[in-house]
Amino acid sequence: MLAVRTLRSGHFGCVLKQLNGKHISVPARQSSSVVEQVKSWETANERYFGPGRDLKNFPHPAMLDQPKAVKFGFVPGSWFDFLYPKTGFTGPYVLGTGLLATALSKEIWVIDHGFADVIGFTGAFLFLIYKVGPGMAKFLEGKQQRIYEETYTKPIAKAKETFHNEIKECNDAIWSLEGQKHLFEAKKENVGLQLESAYRQRLNKVYTDVKSRLDYHVAVENTKRKFEQEHMVNWIVSSVVKSITPQQEKESIKKCIAELKTLAAA
């Protein structure tokens, strides 16, 4: 995926996204509002997460995954945990009962005709807490979980998947670019081999032509020498034959016959 933002007349023109060969034009916000929002967030982050904040005494507030434990549906369990080491396990209950008895005996809490409403309200309150409360809590937690997944978990997972795909495509593009470098080197070597082959072919052709010319000159020279030798031999033989007289021929024949007889006798 390729995203490109262009700046035109103080506005971000559009975001071009290339998805599987398709271009989608998405309008962007004005540059002025974007800059102001970015500055506001930077200022807030600097003050909230900056080095001037005492994170030890004033840590960042965190939302609890589960509510704190309570007793009787509304009394904080931390009160009981505070009293257990001092009064024992039954101490908080005895203390509560004593306070209730003191309030009734000293008429701090006066029982009148409206006390029945208190009992009814308390019963209904406890009934709602112990009977309706778990189902309502489960329903609300499920609804909250669905809202959380729809507005936070799924968009983040989808964004992560999209970013992972973009990273993979970028890595593939980087790998392809590296392959282009090797391809250029291979093409360069291929061209070099072709040039070397053409050079060797031309060199072989020159060698063959030069050798043919030299062989031709050698053959011509050999033929010329052979012709001269044959002519010289024929001329010498002819001259010798012409110089022999009939008398010399007879004497030579007689001499040869005599030598043959001598050889035959031996």
C-alpha atoms as a PDB file:
ATOM      1  CA  MET A   1       0.000   0.000   0.000  1.00  0.00           C
ATOM      2  CA  LEU A   2       1.323   3.360  -1.002  1.00  0.00           C
ATOM      3  CA  ALA A   3       0.144   6.550   0.766  1.00  0.00           C
ATOM      4  CA  VAL A   4       1.134   9.930  -0.560  1.00  0.00           C
ATOM      5  CA  ARG A   5       0.129  13.324   0.798  1.00  0.00           C
ATOM      6  CA  THR A   6       0.570  16.452  -1.220  1.00  0.00           C
ATOM      7  CA  LEU A   7       0.437  20.023   0.062  1.00  0.00           C
ATOM      8  CA  ARG A   8      -1.634  22.394  -2.066  1.00  0.00           C
ATOM      9  CA  SER A   9      -2.632  25.968  -1.180  1.00  0.00           C
ATOM     10  CA  GLY A  10      -2.241  25.403   2.556  1.00  0.00           C
ATOM     11  CA  HIS A  11      -4.365  22.234   2.481  1.00  0.00           C
ATOM     12  CA  PHE A  12      -3.556  18.574   2.342  1.00  0.00           C
ATOM     13  CA  GLY A  13      -4.959  17.728  -1.049  1.00  0.00           C
ATOM     14  CA  CYS A  14      -5.638  14.038  -0.812  1.00  0.00           C
ATOM     15  CA  VAL A  15      -4.268  10.734   0.292  1.00  0.00           C
ATOM     16  CA  LEU A  16      -3.627   8.313  -2.523  1.00  0.00           C
ATOM     17  CA  LYS A  17      -3.829   4.707  -1.502  1.00  0.00           C
ATOM     18  CA  GLN A  18      -2.921   1.970  -3.900  1.00  0.00           C
ATOM     19  CA  LEU A  19      -4.683  -1.284  -3.104  1.00  0.00           C
ATOM     20  CA  ASN A  20      -4.140  -4.145  -5.549  1.00  0.00           C
ATOM     21  CA  GLY A  21      -3.586  -1.819  -8.456  1.00  0.00           C
ATOM     22  CA  LYS A  22      -6.549   0.462  -7.563  1.00  0.00           C
ATOM     23  CA  HIS A  23      -6.116   4.088  -6.566  1.00  0.00           C
ATOM     24  CA  ILE A  24      -8.494   5.514  -3.942  1.00  0.00           C
ATOM     25  CA  SER A  25      -8.612   9.240  -3.269  1.00  0.00           C
ATOM     26  CA  VAL A  26      -9.348  10.089   0.382  1.00  0.00           C
ATOM     27  CA  PRO A  27      -9.773  13.764   1.299  1.00  0.00           C
ATOM     28  CA  ALA A  28      -7.665  14.949   4.238  1.00  0.00           C
ATOM     29  CA  ARG A  29      -8.201  17.745   6.768  1.00  0.00           C
ATOM     30  CA  GLN A  30      -6.893  21.222   6.385  1.00  0.00           C
ATOM     31  CA  SER A  31      -3.265  21.624   7.304  1.00  0.00           C
ATOM     32  CA  SER A  32      -3.963  24.477   9.763  1.00  0.00           C
ATOM     33  CA  SER A  33      -6.360  22.419  11.920  1.00  0.00           C
ATOM     34  CA  VAL A  34      -4.027  19.432  11.804  1.00  0.00           C
ATOM     35  CA  VAL A  35      -1.095  21.553  12.959  1.00  0.00           C
ATOM     36  CA  GLU A  36      -3.160  23.090  15.775  1.00  0.00           C
ATOM     37  CA  GLN A  37      -4.354  19.674  16.958  1.00  0.00           C
ATOM     38  CA  VAL A  38      -0.834  18.277  16.842  1.00  0.00           C
ATOM     39  CA  LYS A  39       0.469  21.251  18.842  1.00  0.00           C
ATOM     40  CA  SER A  40      -2.325  20.856  21.406  1.00  0.00           C
ATOM     41  CA  TRP A  41      -1.563  17.161  21.847  1.00  0.00           C
ATOM     42  CA  GLU A  42       2.156  17.847  22.117  1.00  0.00           C
ATOM     43  CA  THR A  43       1.541  20.487  24.796  1.00  0.00           C
ATOM     44  CA  ALA A  44      -0.798  18.185  26.743  1.00  0.00           C
ATOM     45  CA  ASN A  45       1.630  15.260  26.509  1.00  0.00           C
ATOM     46  CA  GLU A  46       4.525  17.464  27.597  1.00  0.00           C
ATOM     47  CA  ARG A  47       2.638  18.626  30.684  1.00  0.00           C
ATOM     48  CA  TYR A  48       1.085  15.275  31.498  1.00  0.00           C
ATOM     49  CA  PHE A  49       4.019  12.976  30.711  1.00  0.00           C
ATOM     50  CA  GLY A  50       6.836  15.522  30.985  1.00  0.00           C
ATOM     51  CA  PRO A  51       9.791  15.307  33.371  1.00  0.00           C
ATOM     52  CA  GLY A  52       8.264  17.924  35.686  1.00  0.00           C
ATOM     53  CA  ARG A  53       5.525  15.598  36.900  1.00  0.00           C
ATOM     54  CA  ASP A  54       6.059  13.672  40.143  1.00  0.00           C
ATOM     55  CA  LEU A  55       5.055  10.201  39.002  1.00  0.00           C
ATOM     56  CA  LYS A  56       6.055   8.672  42.338  1.00  0.00           C
ATOM     57  CA  ASN A  57       3.579  10.629  44.467  1.00  0.00           C
ATOM     58  CA  PHE A  58       1.129  11.387  41.664  1.00  0.00           C
ATOM     59  CA  PRO A  59       1.088   8.359  39.366  1.00  0.00           C
ATOM     60  CA  HIS A  60      -1.093   8.143  36.317  1.00  0.00           C
ATOM     61  CA  PRO A  61      -4.629   7.054  37.183  1.00  0.00           C
ATOM     62  CA  ALA A  62      -5.483   3.582  35.994  1.00  0.00           C
ATOM     63  CA  MET A  63      -8.927   2.098  35.516  1.00  0.00           C
ATOM     64  CA  LEU A  64      -9.434  -1.132  37.450  1.00  0.00           C
ATOM     65  CA  ASP A  65     -10.414  -4.230  35.506  1.00  0.00           C
ATOM     66  CA  GLN A  66     -12.663  -5.369  38.371  1.00  0.00           C
ATOM     67  CA  PRO A  67     -14.364  -3.255  41.088  1.00  0.00           C
ATOM     68  CA  LYS A  68     -13.022  -3.407  44.619  1.00  0.00           C
ATOM     69  CA  ALA A  69     -14.512  -5.968  46.982  1.00  0.00           C
ATOM     70  CA  VAL A  70     -17.484  -4.933  49.140  1.00  0.00           C
ATOM     71  CA  LYS A  71     -19.382  -6.409  52.052  1.00  0.00           C
ATOM     72  CA  PHE A  72     -23.182  -6.576  52.179  1.00  0.00           C
ATOM     73  CA  GLY A  73     -23.260  -5.173  48.689  1.00  0.00           C
ATOM     74  CA  PHE A  74     -22.193  -1.624  49.528  1.00  0.00           C
ATOM     75  CA  VAL A  75     -19.693  -1.541  52.474  1.00  0.00           C
ATOM     76  CA  PRO A  76     -16.082  -1.289  51.176  1.00  0.00           C
ATOM     77  CA  GLY A  77     -14.057  -4.396  51.949  1.00  0.00           C
ATOM     78  CA  SER A  78     -10.999  -2.233  52.699  1.00  0.00           C
ATOM     79  CA  TRP A  79     -12.701  -1.154  55.973  1.00  0.00           C
ATOM     80  CA  PHE A  80     -12.901  -4.760  57.101  1.00  0.00           C
ATOM     81  CA  ASP A  81      -9.300  -5.397  55.992  1.00  0.00           C
ATOM     82  CA  PHE A  82      -8.247  -2.385  58.084  1.00  0.00           C
ATOM     83  CA  LEU A  83     -10.064  -3.677  61.207  1.00  0.00           C
ATOM     84  CA  TYR A  84      -9.147  -7.381  60.947  1.00  0.00           C
ATOM     85  CA  PRO A  85      -5.566  -6.991  62.337  1.00  0.00           C
ATOM     86  CA  LYS A  86      -6.830  -4.839  65.251  1.00  0.00           C
ATOM     87  CA  THR A  87     -10.139  -6.472  66.223  1.00  0.00           C
ATOM     88  CA  GLY A  88      -9.969  -9.928  64.742  1.00  0.00           C
ATOM     89  CA  PHE A  89     -12.296 -11.482  62.216  1.00  0.00           C
ATOM     90  CA  THR A  90     -15.517 -10.787  64.142  1.00  0.00           C
ATOM     91  CA  GLY A  91     -14.428  -7.312  65.259  1.00  0.00           C
ATOM     92  CA  PRO A  92     -15.931  -5.331  62.346  1.00  0.00           C
ATOM     93  CA  TYR A  93     -19.281  -7.117  62.687  1.00  0.00           C
ATOM     94  CA  VAL A  94     -19.357  -6.580  66.483  1.00  0.00           C
ATOM     95  CA  LEU A  95     -18.377  -2.941  65.978  1.00  0.00           C
ATOM     96  CA  GLY A  96     -21.126  -2.435  63.401  1.00  0.00           C
ATOM     97  CA  THR A  97     -23.690  -4.116  65.622  1.00  0.00           C
ATOM     98  CA  GLY A  98     -22.562  -1.990  68.599  1.00  0.00           C
ATOM     99  CA  LEU A  99     -22.810   1.214  66.589  1.00  0.00           C
ATOM    100  CA  LEU A 100     -26.293   0.254  65.424  1.00  0.00           C
ATOM    101  CA  ALA A 101     -27.360  -0.587  69.001  1.00  0.00           C
ATOM    102  CA  THR A 102     -25.858   2.670  70.293  1.00  0.00           C
ATOM    103  CA  ALA A 103     -27.670   4.681  67.629  1.00  0.00           C
ATOM    104  CA  LEU A 104     -30.962   3.006  68.535  1.00  0.00           C
ATOM    105  CA  SER A 105     -30.497   3.198  72.334  1.00  0.00           C
ATOM    106  CA  LYS A 106     -29.418   6.830  72.320  1.00  0.00           C
ATOM    107  CA  GLU A 107     -32.249   7.605  69.918  1.00  0.00           C
ATOM    108  CA  ILE A 108     -29.779   8.895  67.369  1.00  0.00           C
ATOM    109  CA  TRP A 109     -31.731   6.768  64.949  1.00  0.00           C
ATOM    110  CA  VAL A 110     -35.367   7.088  65.984  1.00  0.00           C
ATOM    111  CA  ILE A 111     -37.691   4.267  64.988  1.00  0.00           C
ATOM    112  CA  ASP A 112     -41.016   5.658  63.857  1.00  0.00           C
ATOM    113  CA  HIS A 113     -43.773   4.651  61.484  1.00  0.00           C
ATOM    114  CA  GLY A 114     -41.376   5.163  58.521  1.00  0.00           C
ATOM    115  CA  PHE A 115     -38.984   2.465  59.756  1.00  0.00           C
ATOM    116  CA  ALA A 116     -40.944  -0.132  57.792  1.00  0.00           C
ATOM    117  CA  ASP A 117     -40.002   1.730  54.626  1.00  0.00           C
ATOM    118  CA  VAL A 118     -36.347   1.428  55.619  1.00  0.00           C
ATOM    119  CA  ILE A 119     -36.724  -2.305  56.121  1.00  0.00           C
ATOM    120  CA  GLY A 120     -38.512  -2.681  52.792  1.00  0.00           C
ATOM    121  CA  PHE A 121     -35.976  -0.518  51.011  1.00  0.00           C
ATOM    122  CA  THR A 122     -33.110  -2.461  52.585  1.00  0.00           C
ATOM    123  CA  GLY A 123     -34.670  -5.777  51.592  1.00  0.00           C
ATOM    124  CA  ALA A 124     -35.301  -4.605  48.060  1.00  0.00           C
ATOM    125  CA  PHE A 125     -31.791  -3.165  47.913  1.00  0.00           C
ATOM    126  CA  LEU A 126     -30.213  -6.443  49.049  1.00  0.00           C
ATOM    127  CA  PHE A 127     -32.460  -8.426  46.702  1.00  0.00           C
ATOM    128  CA  LEU A 128     -31.403  -6.304  43.762  1.00  0.00           C
ATOM    129  CA  ILE A 129     -27.738  -6.567  44.761  1.00  0.00           C
ATOM    130  CA  TYR A 130     -27.616 -10.347  45.247  1.00  0.00           C
ATOM    131  CA  LYS A 131     -30.227 -11.522  42.739  1.00  0.00           C
ATOM    132  CA  VAL A 132     -30.465  -8.969  39.966  1.00  0.00           C
ATOM    133  CA  GLY A 133     -26.992  -7.492  40.375  1.00  0.00           C
ATOM    134  CA  PRO A 134     -24.917 -10.418  39.003  1.00  0.00           C
ATOM    135  CA  GLY A 135     -27.076 -10.783  35.890  1.00  0.00           C
ATOM    136  CA  MET A 136     -27.164  -7.034  35.323  1.00  0.00           C
ATOM    137  CA  ALA A 137     -23.397  -6.831  35.850  1.00  0.00           C
ATOM    138  CA  LYS A 138     -22.848  -9.686  33.409  1.00  0.00           C
ATOM    139  CA  PHE A 139     -25.116  -8.028  30.834  1.00  0.00           C
ATOM    140  CA  LEU A 140     -23.455  -4.632  31.213  1.00  0.00           C
ATOM    141  CA  GLU A 141     -19.972  -6.161  31.145  1.00  0.00           C
ATOM    142  CA  GLY A 142     -20.840  -8.073  27.983  1.00  0.00           C
ATOM    143  CA  LYS A 143     -22.213  -4.925  26.380  1.00  0.00           C
ATOM    144  CA  GLN A 144     -19.164  -2.965  27.484  1.00  0.00           C
ATOM    145  CA  GLN A 145     -16.919  -5.720  26.155  1.00  0.00           C
ATOM    146  CA  ARG A 146     -18.697  -5.650  22.784  1.00  0.00           C
ATOM    147  CA  ILE A 147     -18.393  -1.878  22.639  1.00  0.00           C
ATOM    148  CA  TYR A 148     -14.731  -2.192  23.624  1.00  0.00           C
ATOM    149  CA  GLU A 149     -14.102  -4.743  20.904  1.00  0.00           C
ATOM    150  CA  GLU A 150     -15.975  -2.774  18.244  1.00  0.00           C
ATOM    151  CA  THR A 151     -14.429   0.597  19.084  1.00  0.00           C
ATOM    152  CA  TYR A 152     -10.958  -0.425  20.245  1.00  0.00           C
ATOM    153  CA  THR A 153      -9.888  -4.061  19.895  1.00  0.00           C
ATOM    154  CA  LYS A 154     -11.083  -4.774  16.359  1.00  0.00           C
ATOM    155  CA  PRO A 155      -9.921  -1.429  14.874  1.00  0.00           C
ATOM    156  CA  ILE A 156      -6.496  -1.887  16.481  1.00  0.00           C
ATOM    157  CA  ALA A 157      -6.274  -5.496  15.278  1.00  0.00           C
ATOM    158  CA  LYS A 158      -7.347  -4.425  11.798  1.00  0.00           C
ATOM    159  CA  ALA A 159      -4.870  -1.547  11.848  1.00  0.00           C
ATOM    160  CA  LYS A 160      -2.110  -3.911  13.007  1.00  0.00           C
ATOM    161  CA  GLU A 161      -2.965  -6.343  10.235  1.00  0.00           C
ATOM    162  CA  THR A 162      -2.976  -3.506   7.709  1.00  0.00           C
ATOM    163  CA  PHE A 163       0.337  -2.173   9.000  1.00  0.00           C
ATOM    164  CA  HIS A 164       1.846  -5.672   8.971  1.00  0.00           C
ATOM    165  CA  ASN A 165       0.699  -6.082   5.373  1.00  0.00           C
ATOM    166  CA  GLU A 166       2.158  -2.687   4.507  1.00  0.00           C
ATOM    167  CA  ILE A 167       5.434  -3.614   6.211  1.00  0.00           C
ATOM    168  CA  LYS A 168       5.468  -6.912   4.322  1.00  0.00           C
ATOM    169  CA  GLU A 169       4.797  -5.112   1.038  1.00  0.00           C
ATOM    170  CA  CYS A 170       7.541  -2.596   1.840  1.00  0.00           C
ATOM    171  CA  ASN A 171       9.942  -5.427   2.674  1.00  0.00           C
ATOM    172  CA  ASP A 172       8.980  -7.142  -0.573  1.00  0.00           C
ATOM    173  CA  ALA A 173       9.566  -3.871  -2.419  1.00  0.00           C
ATOM    174  CA  ILE A 174      12.956  -3.483  -0.721  1.00  0.00           C
ATOM    175  CA  TRP A 175      13.795  -7.072  -1.607  1.00  0.00           C
ATOM    176  CA  SER A 176      12.676  -6.411  -5.180  1.00  0.00           C
ATOM    177  CA  LEU A 177      14.876  -3.310  -5.345  1.00  0.00           C
ATOM    178  CA  GLU A 178      17.820  -5.335  -4.056  1.00  0.00           C
ATOM    179  CA  GLY A 179      16.990  -7.918  -6.702  1.00  0.00           C
ATOM    180  CA  GLN A 180      17.007  -5.147  -9.305  1.00  0.00           C
ATOM    181  CA  LYS A 181      20.575  -4.345  -8.275  1.00  0.00           C
ATOM    182  CA  HIS A 182      21.572  -7.975  -8.785  1.00  0.00           C
ATOM    183  CA  LEU A 183      19.610  -7.999 -12.040  1.00  0.00           C
ATOM    184  CA  PHE A 184      21.543  -4.968 -13.276  1.00  0.00           C
ATOM    185  CA  GLU A 185      24.797  -6.684 -12.312  1.00  0.00           C
ATOM    186  CA  ALA A 186      23.696  -9.846 -14.116  1.00  0.00           C
ATOM    187  CA  LYS A 187      22.727  -7.857 -17.209  1.00  0.00           C
ATOM    188  CA  LYS A 188      26.056  -6.052 -17.049  1.00  0.00           C
ATOM    189  CA  GLU A 189      27.915  -9.353 -16.822  1.00  0.00           C
ATOM    190  CA  ASN A 190      25.767 -10.754 -19.640  1.00  0.00           C
ATOM    191  CA  VAL A 191      26.602  -7.778 -21.855  1.00  0.00           C
ATOM    192  CA  GLY A 192      30.275  -8.203 -20.932  1.00  0.00           C
ATOM    193  CA  LEU A 193      30.114 -11.888 -21.894  1.00  0.00           C
ATOM    194  CA  GLN A 194      28.409 -11.007 -25.170  1.00  0.00           C
ATOM    195  CA  LEU A 195      31.090  -8.418 -25.923  1.00  0.00           C
ATOM    196  CA  GLU A 196      33.800 -10.921 -24.997  1.00  0.00           C
ATOM    197  CA  SER A 197      32.194 -13.550 -27.241  1.00  0.00           C
ATOM    198  CA  ALA A 198      31.916 -11.089 -30.144  1.00  0.00           C
ATOM    199  CA  TYR A 199      35.547 -10.025 -29.606  1.00  0.00           C
ATOM    200  CA  ARG A 200      36.739 -13.624 -29.609  1.00  0.00           C
ATOM    201  CA  GLN A 201      34.704 -14.366 -32.733  1.00  0.00           C
ATOM    202  CA  ARG A 202      36.207 -11.383 -34.539  1.00  0.00           C
ATOM    203  CA  LEU A 203      39.672 -12.332 -33.249  1.00  0.00           C
ATOM    204  CA  ASN A 204      39.175 -15.890 -34.524  1.00  0.00           C
ATOM    205  CA  LYS A 205      37.992 -14.536 -37.886  1.00  0.00           C
ATOM    206  CA  VAL A 206      41.055 -12.312 -38.134  1.00  0.00           C
ATOM    207  CA  TYR A 207      43.279 -15.239 -37.170  1.00  0.00           C
ATOM    208  CA  THR A 208      41.611 -17.457 -39.796  1.00  0.00           C
ATOM    209  CA  ASP A 209      41.909 -14.797 -42.509  1.00  0.00           C
ATOM    210  CA  VAL A 210      45.539 -14.038 -41.699  1.00  0.00           C
ATOM    211  CA  LYS A 211      46.373 -17.757 -41.578  1.00  0.00           C
ATOM    212  CA  SER A 212      44.646 -18.296 -44.931  1.00  0.00           C
ATOM    213  CA  ARG A 213      46.636 -15.445 -46.468  1.00  0.00           C
ATOM    214  CA  LEU A 214      49.882 -16.755 -44.994  1.00  0.00           C
ATOM    215  CA  ASP A 215      49.081 -20.295 -46.170  1.00  0.00           C
ATOM    216  CA  TYR A 216      48.383 -18.894 -49.610  1.00  0.00           C
ATOM    217  CA  HIS A 217      51.727 -17.076 -49.721  1.00  0.00           C
ATOM    218  CA  VAL A 218      53.519 -20.190 -48.406  1.00  0.00           C
ATOM    219  CA  ALA A 219      51.834 -22.338 -51.082  1.00  0.00           C
ATOM    220  CA  VAL A 220      52.741 -19.804 -53.771  1.00  0.00           C
ATOM    221  CA  GLU A 221      56.339 -19.705 -52.569  1.00  0.00           C
ATOM    222  CA  ASN A 222      56.549 -23.516 -52.405  1.00  0.00           C
ATOM    223  CA  THR A 223      55.079 -23.868 -55.869  1.00  0.00           C
ATOM    224  CA  LYS A 224      57.492 -21.289 -57.206  1.00  0.00           C
ATOM    225  CA  ARG A 225      60.469 -23.051 -55.611  1.00  0.00           C
ATOM    226  CA  LYS A 226      59.272 -26.454 -56.850  1.00  0.00           C
ATOM    227  CA  PHE A 227      58.866 -25.095 -60.345  1.00  0.00           C
ATOM    228  CA  GLU A 228      62.310 -23.509 -60.212  1.00  0.00           C
ATOM    229  CA  GLN A 229      63.864 -26.725 -58.893  1.00  0.00           C
ATOM    230  CA  GLU A 230      62.184 -28.836 -61.578  1.00  0.00           C
ATOM    231  CA  HIS A 231      63.213 -26.361 -64.242  1.00  0.00           C
ATOM    232  CA  MET A 232      66.789 -26.310 -62.894  1.00  0.00           C
ATOM    233  CA  VAL A 233      66.970 -30.142 -62.788  1.00  0.00           C
ATOM    234  CA  ASN A 234      65.543 -30.479 -66.279  1.00  0.00           C
ATOM    235  CA  TRP A 235      67.906 -27.843 -67.569  1.00  0.00           C
ATOM    236  CA  ILE A 236      70.940 -29.531 -65.955  1.00  0.00           C
ATOM    237  CA  VAL A 237      69.916 -32.980 -67.172  1.00  0.00           C
ATOM    238  CA  SER A 238      69.268 -31.651 -70.646  1.00  0.00           C
ATOM    239  CA  SER A 239      72.610 -29.858 -70.680  1.00  0.00           C
ATOM    240  CA  VAL A 240      74.454 -32.953 -69.433  1.00  0.00           C
ATOM    241  CA  VAL A 241      72.717 -35.167 -71.971  1.00  0.00           C
ATOM    242  CA  LYS A 242      73.520 -32.769 -74.749  1.00  0.00           C
ATOM    243  CA  SER A 243      77.181 -32.589 -73.701  1.00  0.00           C
ATOM    244  CA  ILE A 244      77.693 -36.407 -73.935  1.00  0.00           C
ATOM    245  CA  THR A 245      79.146 -37.511 -77.344  1.00  0.00           C
ATOM    246  CA  PRO A 246      78.436 -40.889 -78.974  1.00  0.00           C
ATOM    247  CA  GLN A 247      82.011 -41.985 -78.289  1.00  0.00           C
ATOM    248  CA  GLN A 248      81.700 -41.150 -74.574  1.00  0.00           C
ATOM    249  CA  GLU A 249      78.435 -43.015 -74.449  1.00  0.00           C
ATOM    250  CA  LYS A 250      80.022 -46.136 -75.936  1.00  0.00           C
ATOM    251  CA  GLU A 251      82.959 -45.956 -73.547  1.00  0.00           C
ATOM    252  CA  SER A 252      80.656 -45.517 -70.628  1.00  0.00           C
ATOM    253  CA  ILE A 253      78.588 -48.537 -71.691  1.00  0.00           C
ATOM    254  CA  LYS A 254      81.694 -50.665 -72.045  1.00  0.00           C
ATOM    255  CA  LYS A 255      82.935 -49.561 -68.633  1.00  0.00           C
ATOM    256  CA  CYS A 256      79.616 -50.445 -67.059  1.00  0.00           C
ATOM    257  CA  ILE A 257      79.613 -53.894 -68.689  1.00  0.00           C
ATOM    258  CA  ALA A 258      83.122 -54.518 -67.420  1.00  0.00           C
ATOM    259  CA  GLU A 259      82.159 -53.543 -63.870  1.00  0.00           C
ATOM    260  CA  LEU A 260      79.133 -55.800 -64.021  1.00  0.00           C
ATOM    261  CA  LYS A 261      81.270 -58.731 -65.130  1.00  0.00           C
ATOM    262  CA  THR A 262      83.717 -58.035 -62.338  1.00  0.00           C
ATOM    263  CA  LEU A 263      80.913 -57.956 -59.830  1.00  0.00           C
ATOM    264  CA  ALA A 264      79.441 -61.158 -61.263  1.00  0.00           C
ATOM    265  CA  ALA A 265      82.775 -62.968 -61.024  1.00  0.00           C
ATOM    266  CA  ALA A 266      83.284 -61.875 -57.447  1.00  0.00           C
END
